[in-house]
Amino acid sequence: MRTVQKTSSYREPLILIGFVILGALLGILMGERAAFLYPIGQMWLNLLFVLLVPLIFFSISSSIATVTDTKRVGKLLTLTILIFAVTAAIAGIYMFTVTGIFGVDTSIQMGEAVLEESAASSSVGEQIVNTFTVGDFPLVISRSHILALIVFTVFFGITVSLLGEKGRPVAEWLSNLSLVFYKMVELLMKLAPIGLMAYFANLTGTYGPELLASYARGLLIYYPAAFFYFFVFMALYAFLAAGTWGVKNYFKNILTPALTALGTRSSAAALPLQLDACDKLGVPREISSVVVPIGATCHMDGACVATIYEIALCCALFNRPLRGLGDYAFAVVIAVAGSVAVSSVPGGGAAMETMVISGFGFPPVVLPVLLMMTQLFDAGCTLINSCGDTVASMLVTRALYGKDWYKATKRG
């Protein structure tokens, strides 16, 4: 087990918080005039996005390629997907409980329209194909096809691993390049306070008033529910992974990634910081470099929470109550499957709404309602989605290394 340097202070997170608060204040004071800061924040974010594809490719492929035991690779991926599915299902069931207690907003009525017959069998099938595969190699190295990139990367890494000694030079080359991109990200993150300050100023100045004025009940239900899930369920998962030490140190190291995810509404932007948090927690890089990038597009607990609320809202709008456990189970399946289609970039939830509409046969007229809801929920979704990847890495480490895995990094 690799040892990790002890962090003695919260200096970096506090600096980041200070700059984020400064940006929010500038946005509130300047309003739309704060838009002049947009290029600064967006250029920083674009630089981070440019590094995303090579970071994912080299980190995942090098981790898999250097493992000589292919059974271990299969076990790692199986555990990862299993944990993702279980926590996503728990998130969906949790939100059903919340909407059952507090209800949903029914001030917008769309009548009792006859729901269209679902054509999901073909549209969803095509959507799944396009989500996990592409038809040409240049498309696979695009940030617009991250899941297809991950499938290709895993296949590539397994192939190198199966070559044994013949594949070792390639594995070493992949490992060295992954270190180069880790260093590039590390250098870029030194500019994070300035980039996030500018991004937050523009976001608050341009969208703040509109967001506060729209869909008030949805915001009042979703965000308390999302923060409750973040603090309570993440603590539960961290406890299962490493006891009270896991809870304490998870929240100690997750602050900077959480603020980045919340501020940028992008799991991709927070991905390098999640990897750094895993390092500080003592999660082996061979695990975190697989779990976190895959989780950036496949592990969407926050999206599941939002989707269940949207399903409950649509059912209320069209007077279509869910009947029996079958309907509830189907809704959870749609939420889990739909969340996989959510991109790791801001505003990438349209595919999820399409799956909800096609899966339940709601009329297309409801799509603008769901798209607005997605925009309002996006920050909270990204917070849970992104930070869930770190705790998932802890759970996978617990499963592979045993209950005492964290003691090598424990400091008092």
Protein backbone atom coordinates (compact mmCIF):
# COMPACT_ATOMS: atom_id res chain seq x y z
CA MET A 1 0.00 0.00 0.00
CA ARG A 2 1.38 3.37 -0.98
CA THR A 3 1.97 5.92 1.78
CA VAL A 4 0.60 9.41 1.37
CA GLN A 5 1.87 12.68 2.74
CA LYS A 6 -0.15 14.10 5.57
CA THR A 7 -1.92 17.38 4.90
CA SER A 8 -1.38 19.70 7.86
CA SER A 9 -3.83 22.48 7.04
CA TYR A 10 -6.80 23.57 4.99
CA ARG A 11 -4.83 26.37 3.32
CA GLU A 12 -5.70 25.51 -0.29
CA PRO A 13 -9.44 24.91 0.30
CA LEU A 14 -9.70 28.13 2.33
CA ILE A 15 -8.00 30.11 -0.44
CA LEU A 16 -10.40 28.57 -2.96
CA ILE A 17 -13.42 29.36 -0.76
CA GLY A 18 -12.24 32.94 -0.41
CA PHE A 19 -11.93 33.44 -4.16
CA VAL A 20 -15.30 31.75 -4.81
CA ILE A 21 -16.99 34.05 -2.26
CA LEU A 22 -15.27 37.03 -3.86
CA GLY A 23 -16.54 35.96 -7.27
CA ALA A 24 -20.10 35.52 -5.98
CA LEU A 25 -20.02 38.97 -4.37
CA LEU A 26 -18.75 40.53 -7.60
CA GLY A 27 -21.56 38.85 -9.50
CA ILE A 28 -24.20 40.08 -7.07
CA LEU A 29 -22.84 43.66 -7.06
CA MET A 30 -22.17 43.96 -10.78
CA GLY A 31 -25.03 41.87 -12.15
CA GLU A 32 -24.75 41.22 -15.88
CA ARG A 33 -21.71 43.51 -16.06
CA ALA A 34 -19.76 40.69 -14.43
CA ALA A 35 -19.90 38.95 -17.81
CA PHE A 36 -16.57 40.58 -18.68
CA LEU A 37 -14.97 37.99 -16.36
CA TYR A 38 -16.49 35.12 -18.35
CA PRO A 39 -13.51 34.71 -20.75
CA ILE A 40 -11.09 34.26 -17.84
CA GLY A 41 -13.14 31.54 -16.17
CA GLN A 42 -14.01 29.83 -19.45
CA MET A 43 -10.41 29.80 -20.70
CA TRP A 44 -9.30 28.12 -17.49
CA LEU A 45 -12.12 25.60 -17.81
CA ASN A 46 -11.34 24.99 -21.49
CA LEU A 47 -7.70 24.24 -20.67
CA LEU A 48 -8.89 21.71 -18.14
CA PHE A 49 -11.28 20.18 -20.69
CA VAL A 50 -8.49 19.87 -23.27
CA LEU A 51 -6.57 17.71 -20.79
CA LEU A 52 -9.60 15.54 -20.03
CA VAL A 53 -9.45 13.06 -22.94
CA PRO A 54 -5.71 12.26 -22.69
CA LEU A 55 -5.96 12.17 -18.88
CA ILE A 56 -8.76 9.59 -19.03
CA PHE A 57 -7.08 7.53 -21.76
CA PHE A 58 -3.63 7.33 -20.19
CA SER A 59 -4.78 7.00 -16.57
CA ILE A 60 -7.22 4.14 -17.22
CA SER A 61 -5.21 2.32 -19.88
CA SER A 62 -1.94 2.50 -17.91
CA SER A 63 -3.60 1.23 -14.73
CA ILE A 64 -5.15 -1.73 -16.53
CA ALA A 65 -2.16 -2.44 -18.79
CA THR A 66 0.28 -2.70 -15.86
CA VAL A 67 -1.84 -5.32 -14.08
CA THR A 68 -0.64 -8.76 -15.09
CA ASP A 69 -3.55 -10.52 -13.39
CA THR A 70 -6.45 -10.06 -15.81
CA LYS A 71 -8.81 -11.64 -13.31
CA ARG A 72 -7.99 -8.75 -10.97
CA VAL A 73 -8.88 -6.24 -13.69
CA GLY A 74 -12.21 -7.99 -14.22
CA LYS A 75 -12.88 -7.99 -10.49
CA LEU A 76 -12.05 -4.27 -10.25
CA LEU A 77 -14.41 -3.33 -13.08
CA THR A 78 -17.18 -5.63 -11.78
CA LEU A 79 -16.97 -4.16 -8.28
CA THR A 80 -16.92 -0.63 -9.68
CA ILE A 81 -20.05 -1.07 -11.80
CA LEU A 82 -21.83 -2.94 -8.99
CA ILE A 83 -21.15 -0.16 -6.47
CA PHE A 84 -22.21 2.48 -9.00
CA ALA A 85 -25.51 0.69 -9.67
CA VAL A 86 -26.30 0.07 -6.00
CA THR A 87 -25.64 3.64 -4.85
CA ALA A 88 -27.58 5.05 -7.81
CA ALA A 89 -30.57 2.84 -6.99
CA ILE A 90 -30.38 3.91 -3.34
CA ALA A 91 -30.37 7.55 -4.47
CA GLY A 92 -33.49 6.98 -6.57
CA ILE A 93 -35.35 5.21 -3.76
CA TYR A 94 -34.32 7.99 -1.38
CA MET A 95 -35.82 10.67 -3.65
CA PHE A 96 -39.06 8.74 -3.96
CA THR A 97 -39.26 8.88 -0.17
CA VAL A 98 -38.63 12.64 -0.21
CA THR A 99 -41.30 13.32 -2.86
CA GLY A 100 -43.70 11.01 -1.02
CA ILE A 101 -43.29 13.14 2.13
CA PHE A 102 -43.12 16.66 0.65
CA GLY A 103 -44.91 16.19 -2.68
CA VAL A 104 -44.06 17.99 -5.94
CA ASP A 105 -45.07 21.29 -7.49
CA THR A 106 -48.45 20.99 -9.19
CA SER A 107 -49.01 24.70 -9.88
CA ILE A 108 -48.30 24.04 -13.58
CA GLN A 109 -51.08 21.91 -15.02
CA MET A 110 -50.97 20.30 -18.46
CA GLY A 111 -54.31 18.57 -18.25
CA GLU A 112 -54.97 14.88 -18.51
CA ALA A 113 -53.51 14.38 -21.96
CA VAL A 114 -53.57 10.91 -23.40
CA LEU A 115 -50.01 9.72 -23.10
CA GLU A 116 -48.35 8.66 -26.30
CA GLU A 117 -47.38 5.09 -26.79
CA SER A 118 -43.71 4.70 -26.02
CA ALA A 119 -41.41 4.18 -28.95
CA ALA A 120 -38.59 3.57 -26.54
CA SER A 121 -37.62 0.17 -27.91
CA SER A 122 -35.97 1.71 -30.95
CA SER A 123 -35.02 5.19 -29.74
CA VAL A 124 -33.54 4.07 -26.44
CA GLY A 125 -31.73 1.20 -28.13
CA GLU A 126 -30.18 3.58 -30.61
CA GLN A 127 -29.33 5.94 -27.76
CA ILE A 128 -27.52 3.18 -25.89
CA VAL A 129 -25.53 2.27 -29.00
CA ASN A 130 -24.52 5.89 -29.56
CA THR A 131 -23.67 6.35 -25.89
CA PHE A 132 -21.25 3.45 -25.59
CA THR A 133 -19.85 3.27 -29.13
CA VAL A 134 -19.02 5.52 -32.09
CA GLY A 135 -18.65 4.77 -35.77
CA ASP A 136 -15.27 6.39 -36.44
CA PHE A 137 -12.01 6.65 -34.51
CA PRO A 138 -11.78 10.49 -34.46
CA LEU A 139 -15.11 10.56 -32.61
CA VAL A 140 -13.80 8.39 -29.78
CA ILE A 141 -11.19 10.99 -28.79
CA SER A 142 -13.82 13.68 -28.34
CA ARG A 143 -15.12 14.96 -25.01
CA SER A 144 -18.60 14.57 -26.49
CA HIS A 145 -18.25 10.77 -26.42
CA ILE A 146 -16.67 10.11 -23.03
CA LEU A 147 -18.41 6.77 -22.43
CA ALA A 148 -17.29 5.50 -25.83
CA LEU A 149 -13.77 6.69 -25.00
CA ILE A 150 -13.84 4.78 -21.70
CA VAL A 151 -15.04 1.59 -23.41
CA PHE A 152 -12.24 1.89 -25.98
CA THR A 153 -9.67 2.72 -23.28
CA VAL A 154 -10.60 -0.28 -21.12
CA PHE A 155 -10.46 -2.54 -24.19
CA PHE A 156 -7.06 -1.10 -25.10
CA GLY A 157 -5.67 -1.53 -21.58
CA ILE A 158 -6.89 -5.12 -21.30
CA THR A 159 -5.34 -5.95 -24.68
CA VAL A 160 -1.95 -4.57 -23.61
CA SER A 161 -2.20 -6.54 -20.36
CA LEU A 162 -2.97 -9.77 -22.23
CA LEU A 163 0.17 -9.35 -24.34
CA GLY A 164 2.29 -9.96 -21.25
CA GLU A 165 6.01 -9.25 -21.76
CA LYS A 166 5.44 -8.05 -25.32
CA GLY A 167 3.06 -5.40 -24.05
CA ARG A 168 5.29 -4.21 -21.19
CA PRO A 169 7.02 -1.42 -23.21
CA VAL A 170 3.62 -0.08 -24.20
CA ALA A 171 2.43 -0.27 -20.58
CA GLU A 172 5.49 1.67 -19.41
CA TRP A 173 4.95 4.28 -22.13
CA LEU A 174 1.33 4.70 -21.04
CA SER A 175 2.37 5.02 -17.40
CA ASN A 176 4.98 7.68 -18.17
CA LEU A 177 2.56 9.73 -20.26
CA SER A 178 -0.06 9.50 -17.52
CA LEU A 179 2.46 11.12 -15.16
CA VAL A 180 3.00 13.93 -17.67
CA PHE A 181 -0.70 14.70 -17.84
CA TYR A 182 -1.10 14.46 -14.07
CA LYS A 183 1.65 17.09 -13.80
CA MET A 184 -0.01 19.31 -16.39
CA VAL A 185 -3.25 19.19 -14.45
CA GLU A 186 -1.39 19.91 -11.20
CA LEU A 187 0.15 23.04 -12.73
CA LEU A 188 -3.15 24.18 -14.19
CA MET A 189 -4.92 23.76 -10.85
CA LYS A 190 -2.65 26.42 -9.34
CA LEU A 191 -4.80 28.87 -11.31
CA ALA A 192 -8.04 27.36 -9.96
CA PRO A 193 -8.81 30.18 -7.49
CA ILE A 194 -8.67 32.82 -10.24
CA GLY A 195 -10.55 30.68 -12.76
CA LEU A 196 -13.32 29.75 -10.33
CA MET A 197 -13.64 33.33 -9.07
CA ALA A 198 -14.23 34.58 -12.62
CA TYR A 199 -16.58 31.69 -13.45
CA PHE A 200 -18.61 32.19 -10.26
CA ALA A 201 -18.87 35.95 -10.79
CA ASN A 202 -20.33 35.50 -14.27
CA LEU A 203 -22.63 32.67 -13.14
CA THR A 204 -24.03 34.67 -10.21
CA GLY A 205 -24.29 37.91 -12.14
CA THR A 206 -26.03 36.42 -15.18
CA TYR A 207 -28.22 33.61 -13.88
CA GLY A 208 -28.63 34.13 -10.14
CA PRO A 209 -31.86 36.16 -10.08
CA GLU A 210 -33.55 34.01 -12.72
CA LEU A 211 -32.64 30.79 -10.95
CA LEU A 212 -33.99 32.07 -7.64
CA ALA A 213 -37.25 33.19 -9.26
CA SER A 214 -38.02 29.98 -11.19
CA TYR A 215 -39.44 26.69 -9.99
CA ALA A 216 -39.16 27.73 -6.35
CA ARG A 217 -40.78 24.63 -4.93
CA GLY A 218 -38.54 22.33 -6.95
CA LEU A 219 -35.47 24.15 -5.64
CA LEU A 220 -36.75 24.07 -2.07
CA ILE A 221 -37.26 20.32 -2.27
CA TYR A 222 -34.28 19.27 -4.36
CA TYR A 223 -31.40 21.18 -2.82
CA PRO A 224 -32.08 20.30 0.83
CA ALA A 225 -32.55 16.70 -0.31
CA ALA A 226 -29.31 16.83 -2.30
CA PHE A 227 -27.27 18.28 0.56
CA PHE A 228 -28.81 15.78 2.98
CA TYR A 229 -27.78 12.99 0.65
CA PHE A 230 -24.28 14.45 0.32
CA PHE A 231 -23.65 14.70 4.04
CA VAL A 232 -25.57 11.65 5.30
CA PHE A 233 -25.22 9.03 2.56
CA MET A 234 -21.63 9.94 1.65
CA ALA A 235 -20.79 9.69 5.35
CA LEU A 236 -22.47 6.27 5.46
CA TYR A 237 -20.49 5.01 2.46
CA ALA A 238 -17.24 6.42 3.87
CA PHE A 239 -18.01 4.69 7.18
CA LEU A 240 -18.59 1.38 5.40
CA ALA A 241 -15.25 1.83 3.63
CA ALA A 242 -13.06 2.90 6.56
CA GLY A 243 -15.08 3.46 9.73
CA THR A 244 -14.99 6.80 11.57
CA TRP A 245 -11.55 7.52 10.10
CA GLY A 246 -13.06 7.29 6.64
CA VAL A 247 -15.85 9.76 7.46
CA LYS A 248 -13.50 12.30 9.05
CA ASN A 249 -10.87 12.20 6.32
CA TYR A 250 -13.34 11.98 3.44
CA PHE A 251 -14.94 15.30 4.36
CA LYS A 252 -11.52 16.77 5.15
CA ASN A 253 -10.26 16.08 1.62
CA ILE A 254 -13.45 16.45 -0.41
CA LEU A 255 -13.97 20.19 0.14
CA THR A 256 -11.92 21.46 -2.81
CA PRO A 257 -13.36 18.94 -5.34
CA ALA A 258 -16.86 19.63 -3.99
CA LEU A 259 -16.52 23.39 -4.44
CA THR A 260 -15.12 22.90 -7.94
CA ALA A 261 -17.99 20.59 -8.91
CA LEU A 262 -20.57 22.92 -7.39
CA GLY A 263 -19.06 26.04 -8.94
CA THR A 264 -18.43 24.74 -12.47
CA ARG A 265 -21.30 22.23 -12.69
CA SER A 266 -18.84 19.85 -14.31
CA SER A 267 -17.65 16.47 -13.07
CA ALA A 268 -14.89 16.72 -15.67
CA ALA A 269 -13.51 19.88 -14.08
CA ALA A 270 -13.42 18.22 -10.66
CA LEU A 271 -11.98 14.92 -11.91
CA PRO A 272 -8.29 15.78 -11.31
CA LEU A 273 -9.16 17.02 -7.82
CA GLN A 274 -11.05 13.81 -7.05
CA LEU A 275 -7.94 11.84 -8.02
CA ASP A 276 -5.88 14.04 -5.69
CA ALA A 277 -8.38 13.50 -2.85
CA CYS A 278 -8.13 9.73 -3.40
CA ASP A 279 -4.34 10.00 -3.15
CA LYS A 280 -4.62 11.82 0.16
CA LEU A 281 -7.05 9.20 1.43
CA GLY A 282 -4.61 6.44 0.54
CA VAL A 283 -6.69 4.90 -2.25
CA PRO A 284 -4.25 3.12 -4.59
CA ARG A 285 -3.86 4.94 -7.90
CA GLU A 286 -4.51 1.66 -9.73
CA ILE A 287 -8.04 1.86 -8.32
CA SER A 288 -8.77 5.59 -8.32
CA SER A 289 -7.49 6.11 -11.88
CA VAL A 290 -10.08 3.59 -13.06
CA VAL A 291 -13.01 4.27 -10.74
CA VAL A 292 -12.97 8.09 -10.81
CA PRO A 293 -12.80 8.61 -14.63
CA ILE A 294 -15.42 5.92 -15.23
CA GLY A 295 -17.52 7.40 -12.46
CA ALA A 296 -17.36 10.84 -14.08
CA THR A 297 -19.88 9.62 -16.65
CA CYS A 298 -21.32 6.40 -15.21
CA HIS A 299 -21.78 7.17 -11.50
CA MET A 300 -24.60 9.69 -11.30
CA ASP A 301 -26.35 9.50 -7.94
CA GLY A 302 -27.21 13.20 -8.14
CA ALA A 303 -28.75 12.75 -11.58
CA CYS A 304 -30.82 9.84 -10.23
CA VAL A 305 -32.12 12.03 -7.41
CA ALA A 306 -33.09 14.74 -9.93
CA THR A 307 -34.61 12.27 -12.40
CA ILE A 308 -36.89 10.72 -9.80
CA TYR A 309 -38.17 14.18 -8.88
CA GLU A 310 -38.78 14.94 -12.56
CA ILE A 311 -40.64 11.65 -13.04
CA ALA A 312 -42.81 12.38 -10.00
CA LEU A 313 -43.44 15.90 -11.35
CA CYS A 314 -44.47 14.65 -14.80
CA CYS A 315 -46.77 12.08 -13.24
CA ALA A 316 -48.46 14.89 -11.31
CA LEU A 317 -48.65 17.19 -14.35
CA PHE A 318 -50.40 14.56 -16.46
CA ASN A 319 -52.35 12.88 -13.68
CA ARG A 320 -50.49 9.62 -14.16
CA PRO A 321 -49.87 8.15 -10.70
CA LEU A 322 -47.30 5.41 -10.33
CA ARG A 323 -49.06 2.14 -9.61
CA GLY A 324 -47.46 -0.57 -7.56
CA LEU A 325 -43.86 -1.64 -7.03
CA GLY A 326 -43.45 -2.39 -10.73
CA ASP A 327 -43.88 1.25 -11.72
CA TYR A 328 -41.56 2.45 -8.98
CA ALA A 329 -38.93 -0.14 -9.92
CA PHE A 330 -39.20 0.86 -13.58
CA ALA A 331 -38.74 4.52 -12.63
CA VAL A 332 -35.58 3.67 -10.70
CA VAL A 333 -34.25 1.65 -13.67
CA ILE A 334 -34.97 4.61 -15.99
CA ALA A 335 -33.22 6.96 -13.57
CA VAL A 336 -30.13 4.75 -13.31
CA ALA A 337 -29.97 4.09 -17.06
CA GLY A 338 -30.73 7.71 -17.92
CA SER A 339 -28.03 8.99 -15.57
CA VAL A 340 -25.42 7.00 -17.48
CA ALA A 341 -26.27 9.04 -20.58
CA VAL A 342 -25.59 12.33 -18.79
CA SER A 343 -22.42 13.95 -20.08
CA SER A 344 -19.74 15.19 -17.70
CA VAL A 345 -20.03 18.73 -19.09
CA PRO A 346 -22.43 21.43 -17.84
CA GLY A 347 -25.99 21.17 -19.14
CA GLY A 348 -25.59 17.61 -20.38
CA GLY A 349 -28.87 16.23 -19.04
CA ALA A 350 -31.02 16.45 -22.18
CA ALA A 351 -30.46 12.77 -22.97
CA MET A 352 -31.79 11.85 -19.56
CA GLU A 353 -35.00 13.82 -20.13
CA THR A 354 -35.45 12.11 -23.49
CA MET A 355 -35.22 8.70 -21.83
CA VAL A 356 -37.76 9.74 -19.19
CA ILE A 357 -40.22 10.92 -21.85
CA SER A 358 -39.77 7.88 -24.09
CA GLY A 359 -39.74 5.42 -21.19
CA PHE A 360 -43.01 6.67 -19.69
CA GLY A 361 -44.63 7.89 -22.90
CA PHE A 362 -45.06 11.50 -21.77
CA PRO A 363 -45.92 13.99 -24.54
CA PRO A 364 -42.97 15.93 -25.99
CA VAL A 365 -44.50 19.16 -24.65
CA VAL A 366 -43.07 18.33 -21.24
CA LEU A 367 -39.46 18.46 -22.49
CA PRO A 368 -38.98 22.23 -21.94
CA VAL A 369 -40.25 21.83 -18.37
CA LEU A 370 -37.70 19.10 -17.70
CA LEU A 371 -34.88 20.99 -19.40
CA MET A 372 -35.50 24.00 -17.17
CA MET A 373 -35.57 21.75 -14.13
CA THR A 374 -32.29 20.19 -15.19
CA GLN A 375 -30.62 23.58 -15.39
CA LEU A 376 -31.85 24.47 -11.92
CA PHE A 377 -30.73 21.15 -10.43
CA ASP A 378 -27.45 20.85 -12.31
CA ALA A 379 -25.12 22.23 -9.63
CA GLY A 380 -26.50 19.94 -6.92
CA CYS A 381 -26.43 16.98 -9.29
CA THR A 382 -22.80 17.56 -10.16
CA LEU A 383 -21.84 17.90 -6.49
CA ILE A 384 -23.23 14.46 -5.66
CA ASN A 385 -22.16 12.86 -8.94
CA SER A 386 -18.56 13.98 -8.63
CA CYS A 387 -17.97 13.49 -4.92
CA GLY A 388 -19.60 10.08 -5.07
CA ASP A 389 -16.73 8.87 -7.24
CA THR A 390 -14.21 9.40 -4.43
CA VAL A 391 -16.25 7.50 -1.87
CA ALA A 392 -16.88 4.77 -4.45
CA SER A 393 -13.10 4.43 -4.84
CA MET A 394 -12.88 3.97 -1.08
CA LEU A 395 -15.54 1.24 -1.19
CA VAL A 396 -13.78 -0.57 -4.04
CA THR A 397 -10.50 -0.40 -2.10
CA ARG A 398 -12.27 -1.82 0.95
CA ALA A 399 -13.59 -4.71 -1.13
CA LEU A 400 -10.22 -5.51 -2.74
CA TYR A 401 -7.81 -4.80 0.12
CA GLY A 402 -9.88 -5.63 3.19
CA LYS A 403 -11.16 -3.63 6.12
CA ASP A 404 -7.70 -2.40 7.21
CA TRP A 405 -6.71 -0.87 3.86
CA TYR A 406 -6.64 2.69 5.19
CA LYS A 407 -4.27 2.09 8.12
CA ALA A 408 -1.20 2.62 5.94
CA THR A 409 -2.24 6.29 5.57
CA LYS A 410 -3.79 6.77 9.00
CA ARG A 411 -2.27 9.59 11.02
CA GLY A 412 -3.55 9.53 14.57
